[in-house]
């Protein structure tokens, strides 16, 4: 499950999630939208807090999807 989906399911905003995950609000925003991936320790913390619903592979999937769309947009403009 993607982090953004989990946040919606739990009815959490980025600030609430940041307190829960012990990181910054912008970081949660970036992770939820695939702009960045959390480091190993935070990734493990998110995995535990989400009861295993959000995995490292989910973060990677979100990251790849975002960057694939960005690359396609750049090719379309060229």
C-alpha atoms as a PDB file:
ATOM      1  CA  UNK A   1       0.000   0.000   0.000  1.00  0.00           C
ATOM      2  CA  UNK A   2       1.326   3.423  -0.866  1.00  0.00           C
ATOM      3  CA  UNK A   3       1.930   5.810   2.019  1.00  0.00           C
ATOM      4  CA  UNK A   4      -0.508   8.334   0.570  1.00  0.00           C
ATOM      5  CA  UNK A   5      -3.229   5.659   0.512  1.00  0.00           C
ATOM      6  CA  UNK A   6      -2.483   4.697   4.118  1.00  0.00           C
ATOM      7  CA  UNK A   7      -2.670   8.323   5.234  1.00  0.00           C
ATOM      8  CA  UNK A   8      -6.090   8.696   3.599  1.00  0.00           C
ATOM      9  CA  UNK A   9      -7.264   5.404   5.106  1.00  0.00           C
ATOM     10  CA  UNK A  10      -6.167   6.576   8.567  1.00  0.00           C
ATOM     11  CA  UNK A  11      -7.516  10.102   8.014  1.00  0.00           C
ATOM     12  CA  UNK A  12      -4.112  11.604   8.842  1.00  0.00           C
ATOM     13  CA  UNK A  13      -2.646  14.794   7.453  1.00  0.00           C
ATOM     14  CA  UNK A  14       1.070  15.262   6.848  1.00  0.00           C
ATOM     15  CA  UNK A  15       1.641  17.047  10.165  1.00  0.00           C
ATOM     16  CA  UNK A  16      -0.033  14.288  12.176  1.00  0.00           C
ATOM     17  CA  UNK A  17       1.900  11.635  10.289  1.00  0.00           C
ATOM     18  CA  UNK A  18       5.162  13.516  10.867  1.00  0.00           C
ATOM     19  CA  UNK A  19       4.594  13.408  14.625  1.00  0.00           C
ATOM     20  CA  UNK A  20       3.759   9.712  14.408  1.00  0.00           C
ATOM     21  CA  UNK A  21       6.814   8.857  12.267  1.00  0.00           C
ATOM     22  CA  UNK A  22       9.112  11.302  14.111  1.00  0.00           C
ATOM     23  CA  UNK A  23      10.172  13.233  11.030  1.00  0.00           C
ATOM     24  CA  UNK A  24       9.291  16.553   9.405  1.00  0.00           C
ATOM     25  CA  UNK A  25       5.997  17.414   7.718  1.00  0.00           C
ATOM     26  CA  UNK A  26       7.695  18.166   4.383  1.00  0.00           C
ATOM     27  CA  UNK A  27       9.399  14.762   4.522  1.00  0.00           C
ATOM     28  CA  UNK A  28       6.051  12.982   4.864  1.00  0.00           C
ATOM     29  CA  UNK A  29       4.732  15.043   1.952  1.00  0.00           C
ATOM     30  CA  UNK A  30       7.701  14.071  -0.217  1.00  0.00           C
ATOM     31  CA  UNK A  31       7.450  10.368   0.727  1.00  0.00           C
ATOM     32  CA  UNK A  32       3.688  10.247   0.214  1.00  0.00           C
ATOM     33  CA  UNK A  33       3.996  11.823  -3.228  1.00  0.00           C
ATOM     34  CA  UNK A  34       7.011   9.813  -4.375  1.00  0.00           C
ATOM     35  CA  UNK A  35       9.325  12.808  -4.598  1.00  0.00           C
ATOM     36  CA  UNK A  36      11.757  11.181  -2.157  1.00  0.00           C
ATOM     37  CA  UNK A  37      12.170   7.846  -0.364  1.00  0.00           C
ATOM     38  CA  UNK A  38      12.760   7.523   3.370  1.00  0.00           C
ATOM     39  CA  UNK A  39      16.077   6.187   4.612  1.00  0.00           C
ATOM     40  CA  UNK A  40      16.312   2.652   6.028  1.00  0.00           C
ATOM     41  CA  UNK A  41      15.615   3.539   9.677  1.00  0.00           C
ATOM     42  CA  UNK A  42      12.588   5.686   8.905  1.00  0.00           C
ATOM     43  CA  UNK A  43      11.373   3.180   6.351  1.00  0.00           C
ATOM     44  CA  UNK A  44      11.427   0.505   9.062  1.00  0.00           C
ATOM     45  CA  UNK A  45       9.615   2.836  11.493  1.00  0.00           C
ATOM     46  CA  UNK A  46       6.895   3.535   8.924  1.00  0.00           C
ATOM     47  CA  UNK A  47       6.586  -0.198   8.253  1.00  0.00           C
ATOM     48  CA  UNK A  48       6.067  -0.899  11.962  1.00  0.00           C
ATOM     49  CA  UNK A  49       3.651   1.987  12.569  1.00  0.00           C
ATOM     50  CA  UNK A  50       1.534   0.997   9.551  1.00  0.00           C
ATOM     51  CA  UNK A  51       1.433  -2.631  10.758  1.00  0.00           C
ATOM     52  CA  UNK A  52       3.402  -3.712   7.708  1.00  0.00           C
ATOM     53  CA  UNK A  53       1.027  -2.131   5.214  1.00  0.00           C
ATOM     54  CA  UNK A  54       3.582   0.362   3.810  1.00  0.00           C
ATOM     55  CA  UNK A  55       6.803  -1.369   2.796  1.00  0.00           C
ATOM     56  CA  UNK A  56      10.122  -0.254   1.363  1.00  0.00           C
ATOM     57  CA  UNK A  57       8.921  -1.575  -1.994  1.00  0.00           C
ATOM     58  CA  UNK A  58       5.875   0.687  -1.772  1.00  0.00           C
ATOM     59  CA  UNK A  59       8.112   3.730  -1.288  1.00  0.00           C
ATOM     60  CA  UNK A  60      10.205   2.621  -4.265  1.00  0.00           C
ATOM     61  CA  UNK A  61       7.085   2.110  -6.380  1.00  0.00           C
ATOM     62  CA  UNK A  62       5.811   5.618  -5.593  1.00  0.00           C
ATOM     63  CA  UNK A  63       9.245   7.089  -6.359  1.00  0.00           C
ATOM     64  CA  UNK A  64       9.559   5.261  -9.675  1.00  0.00           C
ATOM     65  CA  UNK A  65       6.015   6.148 -10.741  1.00  0.00           C
ATOM     66  CA  UNK A  66       6.595   9.831 -10.074  1.00  0.00           C
ATOM     67  CA  UNK A  67       9.908   9.917 -11.890  1.00  0.00           C
ATOM     68  CA  UNK A  68       8.605   7.863 -14.807  1.00  0.00           C
ATOM     69  CA  UNK A  69       5.789  10.389 -15.303  1.00  0.00           C
ATOM     70  CA  UNK A  70       8.298  13.238 -15.094  1.00  0.00           C
ATOM     71  CA  UNK A  71      10.515  11.614 -17.727  1.00  0.00           C
ATOM     72  CA  UNK A  72       7.555  11.015 -20.037  1.00  0.00           C
ATOM     73  CA  UNK A  73       6.544  14.657 -19.713  1.00  0.00           C
ATOM     74  CA  UNK A  74      10.043  15.805 -20.590  1.00  0.00           C
ATOM     75  CA  UNK A  75      10.101  13.558 -23.659  1.00  0.00           C
ATOM     76  CA  UNK A  76       6.706  14.859 -24.790  1.00  0.00           C
ATOM     77  CA  UNK A  77       7.990  18.455 -24.600  1.00  0.00           C
ATOM     78  CA  UNK A  78      11.106  17.644 -26.650  1.00  0.00           C
END
